[in-house]
């Protein structure tokens, strides 16, 4: 009986190890909205950022779907004011669900900055440099804005660096386009703060 017990125990150990290995290779759970998938966490030079929420940008009277946006923070928060007032690492990832021309995207970003109510005079040159990085986008592409307090907001397209804009004032004003008092869509802001991604 002792021998049989040892054999069973050995088999259970082998099974546990096998299961452990299988669990180890399972990819991190991903969140999804309107078929756009986002990782639960990403690694940055300042540490891990976790997905705070997802929102869907809709445009025009007909509520045309433009992109799904994900907000990553060091810690989850539903307080927009606290997020905007804290100089911390963060990332916005925009997954386009349709083609968007450069002129339309630039106009939307300019309107977004105006909607924040911030004093834009000190930011004018940096806003122009930032908008100058925006080009035509096609459905399926990912545009990212990653804030690292030491170096500024880095702009990336499908993982390729486009440039960076310095300044905590610029970073907080940019983020306020999505989290400020007058976002393009209230539902989008709600989703980014941890609510449902309505699509």
C-alpha atoms as a PDB file:
ATOM      1  CA  UNK A   1       0.000   0.000   0.000  1.00  0.00           C
ATOM      2  CA  UNK A   2       2.864   2.336   0.798  1.00  0.00           C
ATOM      3  CA  UNK A   3       4.305   1.746  -2.666  1.00  0.00           C
ATOM      4  CA  UNK A   4       0.984   2.488  -4.318  1.00  0.00           C
ATOM      5  CA  UNK A   5       0.699   5.695  -2.278  1.00  0.00           C
ATOM      6  CA  UNK A   6       4.139   6.791  -3.441  1.00  0.00           C
ATOM      7  CA  UNK A   7       3.250   6.120  -7.072  1.00  0.00           C
ATOM      8  CA  UNK A   8       0.015   8.091  -6.803  1.00  0.00           C
ATOM      9  CA  UNK A   9       1.794  10.940  -5.040  1.00  0.00           C
ATOM     10  CA  UNK A  10       4.470  10.976  -7.742  1.00  0.00           C
ATOM     11  CA  UNK A  11       1.801  11.137 -10.450  1.00  0.00           C
ATOM     12  CA  UNK A  12       0.033  13.973  -8.638  1.00  0.00           C
ATOM     13  CA  UNK A  13       3.289  15.900  -8.374  1.00  0.00           C
ATOM     14  CA  UNK A  14       3.967  15.417 -12.065  1.00  0.00           C
ATOM     15  CA  UNK A  15       0.415  16.553 -12.857  1.00  0.00           C
ATOM     16  CA  UNK A  16       0.766  19.617 -10.636  1.00  0.00           C
ATOM     17  CA  UNK A  17       4.040  20.555 -12.310  1.00  0.00           C
ATOM     18  CA  UNK A  18       2.487  20.079 -15.731  1.00  0.00           C
ATOM     19  CA  UNK A  19      -0.473  22.226 -14.796  1.00  0.00           C
ATOM     20  CA  UNK A  20       1.829  24.837 -13.332  1.00  0.00           C
ATOM     21  CA  UNK A  21       3.758  25.022 -16.566  1.00  0.00           C
ATOM     22  CA  UNK A  22       0.563  25.255 -18.593  1.00  0.00           C
ATOM     23  CA  UNK A  23      -0.703  28.095 -16.410  1.00  0.00           C
ATOM     24  CA  UNK A  24       2.624  29.906 -16.737  1.00  0.00           C
ATOM     25  CA  UNK A  25       2.377  30.122 -20.519  1.00  0.00           C
ATOM     26  CA  UNK A  26      -1.216  31.348 -20.594  1.00  0.00           C
ATOM     27  CA  UNK A  27      -1.159  34.986 -21.787  1.00  0.00           C
ATOM     28  CA  UNK A  28      -2.330  37.749 -19.469  1.00  0.00           C
ATOM     29  CA  UNK A  29      -6.081  38.247 -19.461  1.00  0.00           C
ATOM     30  CA  UNK A  30      -7.117  40.944 -21.892  1.00  0.00           C
ATOM     31  CA  UNK A  31     -10.073  43.322 -21.792  1.00  0.00           C
ATOM     32  CA  UNK A  32     -12.104  43.940 -24.919  1.00  0.00           C
ATOM     33  CA  UNK A  33     -14.480  46.570 -26.266  1.00  0.00           C
ATOM     34  CA  UNK A  34     -15.994  46.547 -29.748  1.00  0.00           C
ATOM     35  CA  UNK A  35     -13.543  43.774 -30.741  1.00  0.00           C
ATOM     36  CA  UNK A  36     -10.518  45.876 -29.722  1.00  0.00           C
ATOM     37  CA  UNK A  37      -8.387  43.936 -27.218  1.00  0.00           C
ATOM     38  CA  UNK A  38      -6.201  45.494 -24.529  1.00  0.00           C
ATOM     39  CA  UNK A  39      -3.684  43.929 -22.165  1.00  0.00           C
ATOM     40  CA  UNK A  40      -4.519  44.045 -18.466  1.00  0.00           C
ATOM     41  CA  UNK A  41      -1.056  45.437 -17.700  1.00  0.00           C
ATOM     42  CA  UNK A  42       1.948  46.799 -19.575  1.00  0.00           C
ATOM     43  CA  UNK A  43       5.564  47.317 -18.583  1.00  0.00           C
ATOM     44  CA  UNK A  44       7.141  50.759 -18.720  1.00  0.00           C
ATOM     45  CA  UNK A  45      10.512  52.098 -17.625  1.00  0.00           C
ATOM     46  CA  UNK A  46       8.901  53.439 -14.442  1.00  0.00           C
ATOM     47  CA  UNK A  47       7.212  50.127 -13.612  1.00  0.00           C
ATOM     48  CA  UNK A  48       4.013  48.316 -14.460  1.00  0.00           C
ATOM     49  CA  UNK A  49       0.895  50.170 -15.525  1.00  0.00           C
ATOM     50  CA  UNK A  50      -2.507  48.523 -15.180  1.00  0.00           C
ATOM     51  CA  UNK A  51      -5.595  49.004 -17.310  1.00  0.00           C
ATOM     52  CA  UNK A  52      -7.892  51.498 -15.603  1.00  0.00           C
ATOM     53  CA  UNK A  53     -10.709  51.365 -18.142  1.00  0.00           C
ATOM     54  CA  UNK A  54     -11.822  51.437 -21.779  1.00  0.00           C
ATOM     55  CA  UNK A  55     -13.947  53.967 -23.637  1.00  0.00           C
ATOM     56  CA  UNK A  56     -15.290  54.332 -27.161  1.00  0.00           C
ATOM     57  CA  UNK A  57     -14.869  57.588 -29.083  1.00  0.00           C
ATOM     58  CA  UNK A  58     -17.903  58.411 -31.190  1.00  0.00           C
ATOM     59  CA  UNK A  59     -18.130  61.339 -33.597  1.00  0.00           C
ATOM     60  CA  UNK A  60     -20.831  63.369 -35.354  1.00  0.00           C
ATOM     61  CA  UNK A  61     -24.580  63.350 -34.802  1.00  0.00           C
ATOM     62  CA  UNK A  62     -24.685  59.782 -36.085  1.00  0.00           C
ATOM     63  CA  UNK A  63     -22.271  58.607 -33.354  1.00  0.00           C
ATOM     64  CA  UNK A  64     -19.815  57.044 -35.787  1.00  0.00           C
ATOM     65  CA  UNK A  65     -17.304  54.804 -33.981  1.00  0.00           C
ATOM     66  CA  UNK A  66     -13.757  56.158 -34.341  1.00  0.00           C
ATOM     67  CA  UNK A  67     -11.515  54.397 -31.830  1.00  0.00           C
ATOM     68  CA  UNK A  68     -11.479  52.484 -28.570  1.00  0.00           C
ATOM     69  CA  UNK A  69      -9.194  54.097 -26.000  1.00  0.00           C
ATOM     70  CA  UNK A  70      -7.598  52.456 -22.988  1.00  0.00           C
ATOM     71  CA  UNK A  71      -6.120  54.250 -19.986  1.00  0.00           C
ATOM     72  CA  UNK A  72      -3.227  52.690 -18.058  1.00  0.00           C
ATOM     73  CA  UNK A  73      -2.186  53.948 -14.600  1.00  0.00           C
ATOM     74  CA  UNK A  74       0.144  52.799 -11.788  1.00  0.00           C
ATOM     75  CA  UNK A  75      -2.974  52.166  -9.669  1.00  0.00           C
ATOM     76  CA  UNK A  76      -6.644  52.073 -10.594  1.00  0.00           C
ATOM     77  CA  UNK A  77      -8.659  55.203  -9.892  1.00  0.00           C
ATOM     78  CA  UNK A  78     -12.162  56.480 -10.637  1.00  0.00           C
ATOM     79  CA  UNK A  79     -11.313  60.056  -9.625  1.00  0.00           C
ATOM     80  CA  UNK A  80     -10.607  62.129 -12.746  1.00  0.00           C
ATOM     81  CA  UNK A  81      -9.490  65.155 -10.731  1.00  0.00           C
ATOM     82  CA  UNK A  82      -6.943  63.146  -8.790  1.00  0.00           C
ATOM     83  CA  UNK A  83      -5.596  61.489 -11.936  1.00  0.00           C
ATOM     84  CA  UNK A  84      -5.176  64.826 -13.720  1.00  0.00           C
ATOM     85  CA  UNK A  85      -3.504  66.539 -10.753  1.00  0.00           C
ATOM     86  CA  UNK A  86      -0.974  63.761 -10.137  1.00  0.00           C
ATOM     87  CA  UNK A  87       2.296  63.904 -12.073  1.00  0.00           C
ATOM     88  CA  UNK A  88       2.607  60.178 -12.642  1.00  0.00           C
ATOM     89  CA  UNK A  89       3.299  57.715 -15.456  1.00  0.00           C
ATOM     90  CA  UNK A  90       0.286  56.878 -17.622  1.00  0.00           C
ATOM     91  CA  UNK A  91      -0.559  55.703 -21.088  1.00  0.00           C
ATOM     92  CA  UNK A  92      -3.457  56.196 -23.467  1.00  0.00           C
ATOM     93  CA  UNK A  93      -3.827  53.639 -26.268  1.00  0.00           C
ATOM     94  CA  UNK A  94      -6.146  54.473 -29.145  1.00  0.00           C
ATOM     95  CA  UNK A  95      -7.197  51.510 -31.311  1.00  0.00           C
ATOM     96  CA  UNK A  96      -8.797  52.810 -34.481  1.00  0.00           C
ATOM     97  CA  UNK A  97     -11.877  50.950 -35.649  1.00  0.00           C
ATOM     98  CA  UNK A  98     -12.140  52.962 -38.874  1.00  0.00           C
ATOM     99  CA  UNK A  99      -9.914  55.045 -41.160  1.00  0.00           C
ATOM    100  CA  UNK A 100      -9.353  58.619 -39.963  1.00  0.00           C
ATOM    101  CA  UNK A 101      -7.682  61.299 -42.059  1.00  0.00           C
ATOM    102  CA  UNK A 102      -4.880  63.396 -40.598  1.00  0.00           C
ATOM    103  CA  UNK A 103      -6.832  66.660 -40.968  1.00  0.00           C
ATOM    104  CA  UNK A 104      -9.811  65.249 -39.066  1.00  0.00           C
ATOM    105  CA  UNK A 105      -7.618  63.893 -36.287  1.00  0.00           C
ATOM    106  CA  UNK A 106      -5.691  67.150 -35.955  1.00  0.00           C
ATOM    107  CA  UNK A 107      -8.907  69.155 -35.801  1.00  0.00           C
ATOM    108  CA  UNK A 108     -10.309  66.817 -33.139  1.00  0.00           C
ATOM    109  CA  UNK A 109      -7.173  67.166 -31.002  1.00  0.00           C
ATOM    110  CA  UNK A 110      -7.167  70.953 -31.340  1.00  0.00           C
ATOM    111  CA  UNK A 111     -10.832  71.043 -30.332  1.00  0.00           C
ATOM    112  CA  UNK A 112      -9.995  68.705 -27.461  1.00  0.00           C
ATOM    113  CA  UNK A 113      -7.338  71.040 -26.102  1.00  0.00           C
ATOM    114  CA  UNK A 114      -9.785  73.959 -26.338  1.00  0.00           C
ATOM    115  CA  UNK A 115     -12.420  71.965 -24.438  1.00  0.00           C
ATOM    116  CA  UNK A 116     -10.151  71.517 -21.413  1.00  0.00           C
ATOM    117  CA  UNK A 117     -10.523  75.169 -20.433  1.00  0.00           C
ATOM    118  CA  UNK A 118      -6.793  75.390 -19.710  1.00  0.00           C
ATOM    119  CA  UNK A 119      -4.594  78.379 -20.533  1.00  0.00           C
ATOM    120  CA  UNK A 120      -3.133  77.124 -23.801  1.00  0.00           C
ATOM    121  CA  UNK A 121      -0.814  80.069 -24.505  1.00  0.00           C
ATOM    122  CA  UNK A 122       2.208  78.474 -22.762  1.00  0.00           C
ATOM    123  CA  UNK A 123       1.490  75.232 -24.639  1.00  0.00           C
ATOM    124  CA  UNK A 124       0.985  76.581 -28.154  1.00  0.00           C
ATOM    125  CA  UNK A 125       4.341  75.552 -29.624  1.00  0.00           C
ATOM    126  CA  UNK A 126       4.221  72.149 -27.949  1.00  0.00           C
ATOM    127  CA  UNK A 127       0.668  71.544 -29.146  1.00  0.00           C
ATOM    128  CA  UNK A 128       1.736  72.391 -32.702  1.00  0.00           C
ATOM    129  CA  UNK A 129       4.660  69.946 -32.428  1.00  0.00           C
ATOM    130  CA  UNK A 130       2.378  67.277 -31.012  1.00  0.00           C
ATOM    131  CA  UNK A 131      -0.305  67.704 -33.681  1.00  0.00           C
ATOM    132  CA  UNK A 132       2.428  67.637 -36.332  1.00  0.00           C
ATOM    133  CA  UNK A 133       3.103  63.995 -35.413  1.00  0.00           C
ATOM    134  CA  UNK A 134      -0.430  62.960 -36.353  1.00  0.00           C
ATOM    135  CA  UNK A 135      -0.939  61.408 -39.775  1.00  0.00           C
ATOM    136  CA  UNK A 136      -3.610  59.388 -41.567  1.00  0.00           C
ATOM    137  CA  UNK A 137      -4.755  56.398 -39.532  1.00  0.00           C
ATOM    138  CA  UNK A 138      -6.312  53.174 -40.717  1.00  0.00           C
ATOM    139  CA  UNK A 139      -8.602  50.787 -38.880  1.00  0.00           C
ATOM    140  CA  UNK A 140      -6.595  48.426 -36.696  1.00  0.00           C
ATOM    141  CA  UNK A 141      -3.711  50.812 -36.001  1.00  0.00           C
ATOM    142  CA  UNK A 142      -2.746  51.780 -32.433  1.00  0.00           C
ATOM    143  CA  UNK A 143      -1.754  55.324 -31.481  1.00  0.00           C
ATOM    144  CA  UNK A 144      -0.230  55.641 -28.016  1.00  0.00           C
ATOM    145  CA  UNK A 145       0.561  58.548 -25.714  1.00  0.00           C
ATOM    146  CA  UNK A 146       2.850  57.514 -22.853  1.00  0.00           C
ATOM    147  CA  UNK A 147       3.674  59.958 -20.084  1.00  0.00           C
ATOM    148  CA  UNK A 148       6.975  59.555 -18.261  1.00  0.00           C
ATOM    149  CA  UNK A 149       7.369  62.528 -15.894  1.00  0.00           C
ATOM    150  CA  UNK A 150      11.135  62.726 -16.450  1.00  0.00           C
ATOM    151  CA  UNK A 151      10.958  62.908 -20.251  1.00  0.00           C
ATOM    152  CA  UNK A 152       7.413  63.922 -21.211  1.00  0.00           C
ATOM    153  CA  UNK A 153       4.706  62.393 -23.367  1.00  0.00           C
ATOM    154  CA  UNK A 154       6.014  59.961 -25.963  1.00  0.00           C
ATOM    155  CA  UNK A 155       3.931  59.455 -29.095  1.00  0.00           C
ATOM    156  CA  UNK A 156       3.983  56.036 -30.745  1.00  0.00           C
ATOM    157  CA  UNK A 157       2.246  54.433 -33.713  1.00  0.00           C
ATOM    158  CA  UNK A 158       2.051  50.643 -33.754  1.00  0.00           C
ATOM    159  CA  UNK A 159       5.064  50.534 -31.449  1.00  0.00           C
ATOM    160  CA  UNK A 160       7.205  52.967 -33.486  1.00  0.00           C
ATOM    161  CA  UNK A 161       8.294  56.148 -31.683  1.00  0.00           C
ATOM    162  CA  UNK A 162       7.193  59.400 -33.329  1.00  0.00           C
ATOM    163  CA  UNK A 163       8.599  61.866 -30.804  1.00  0.00           C
ATOM    164  CA  UNK A 164       7.997  63.287 -27.333  1.00  0.00           C
ATOM    165  CA  UNK A 165       6.661  66.490 -25.762  1.00  0.00           C
ATOM    166  CA  UNK A 166       8.042  67.698 -22.439  1.00  0.00           C
ATOM    167  CA  UNK A 167       6.252  69.214 -19.488  1.00  0.00           C
ATOM    168  CA  UNK A 168       3.846  68.120 -16.780  1.00  0.00           C
ATOM    169  CA  UNK A 169       1.535  70.972 -17.824  1.00  0.00           C
ATOM    170  CA  UNK A 170       1.298  69.553 -21.337  1.00  0.00           C
ATOM    171  CA  UNK A 171       0.766  65.992 -20.069  1.00  0.00           C
ATOM    172  CA  UNK A 172      -2.097  66.897 -17.741  1.00  0.00           C
ATOM    173  CA  UNK A 173      -3.793  69.088 -20.367  1.00  0.00           C
ATOM    174  CA  UNK A 174      -3.518  66.359 -22.992  1.00  0.00           C
ATOM    175  CA  UNK A 175      -5.035  63.793 -20.643  1.00  0.00           C
ATOM    176  CA  UNK A 176      -7.822  66.255 -19.806  1.00  0.00           C
ATOM    177  CA  UNK A 177      -9.073  65.925 -23.406  1.00  0.00           C
ATOM    178  CA  UNK A 178     -10.424  62.535 -22.316  1.00  0.00           C
ATOM    179  CA  UNK A 179     -10.854  63.030 -18.552  1.00  0.00           C
ATOM    180  CA  UNK A 180     -11.603  66.745 -18.241  1.00  0.00           C
ATOM    181  CA  UNK A 181     -14.965  68.475 -17.640  1.00  0.00           C
ATOM    182  CA  UNK A 182     -15.927  68.442 -21.332  1.00  0.00           C
ATOM    183  CA  UNK A 183     -14.798  65.188 -22.951  1.00  0.00           C
ATOM    184  CA  UNK A 184     -15.938  64.422 -26.497  1.00  0.00           C
ATOM    185  CA  UNK A 185     -18.200  61.681 -25.094  1.00  0.00           C
ATOM    186  CA  UNK A 186     -19.272  61.380 -21.459  1.00  0.00           C
ATOM    187  CA  UNK A 187     -19.651  57.613 -21.900  1.00  0.00           C
ATOM    188  CA  UNK A 188     -16.036  57.412 -23.038  1.00  0.00           C
ATOM    189  CA  UNK A 189     -14.846  59.207 -19.893  1.00  0.00           C
ATOM    190  CA  UNK A 190     -17.001  56.950 -17.716  1.00  0.00           C
ATOM    191  CA  UNK A 191     -15.416  53.890 -19.324  1.00  0.00           C
ATOM    192  CA  UNK A 192     -11.879  55.178 -18.834  1.00  0.00           C
ATOM    193  CA  UNK A 193     -12.625  55.687 -15.149  1.00  0.00           C
ATOM    194  CA  UNK A 194     -13.595  52.054 -14.746  1.00  0.00           C
ATOM    195  CA  UNK A 195     -17.180  52.024 -15.940  1.00  0.00           C
ATOM    196  CA  UNK A 196     -18.586  49.974 -18.795  1.00  0.00           C
ATOM    197  CA  UNK A 197     -17.259  50.537 -22.303  1.00  0.00           C
ATOM    198  CA  UNK A 198     -20.498  51.346 -24.117  1.00  0.00           C
ATOM    199  CA  UNK A 199     -20.524  50.564 -27.821  1.00  0.00           C
END
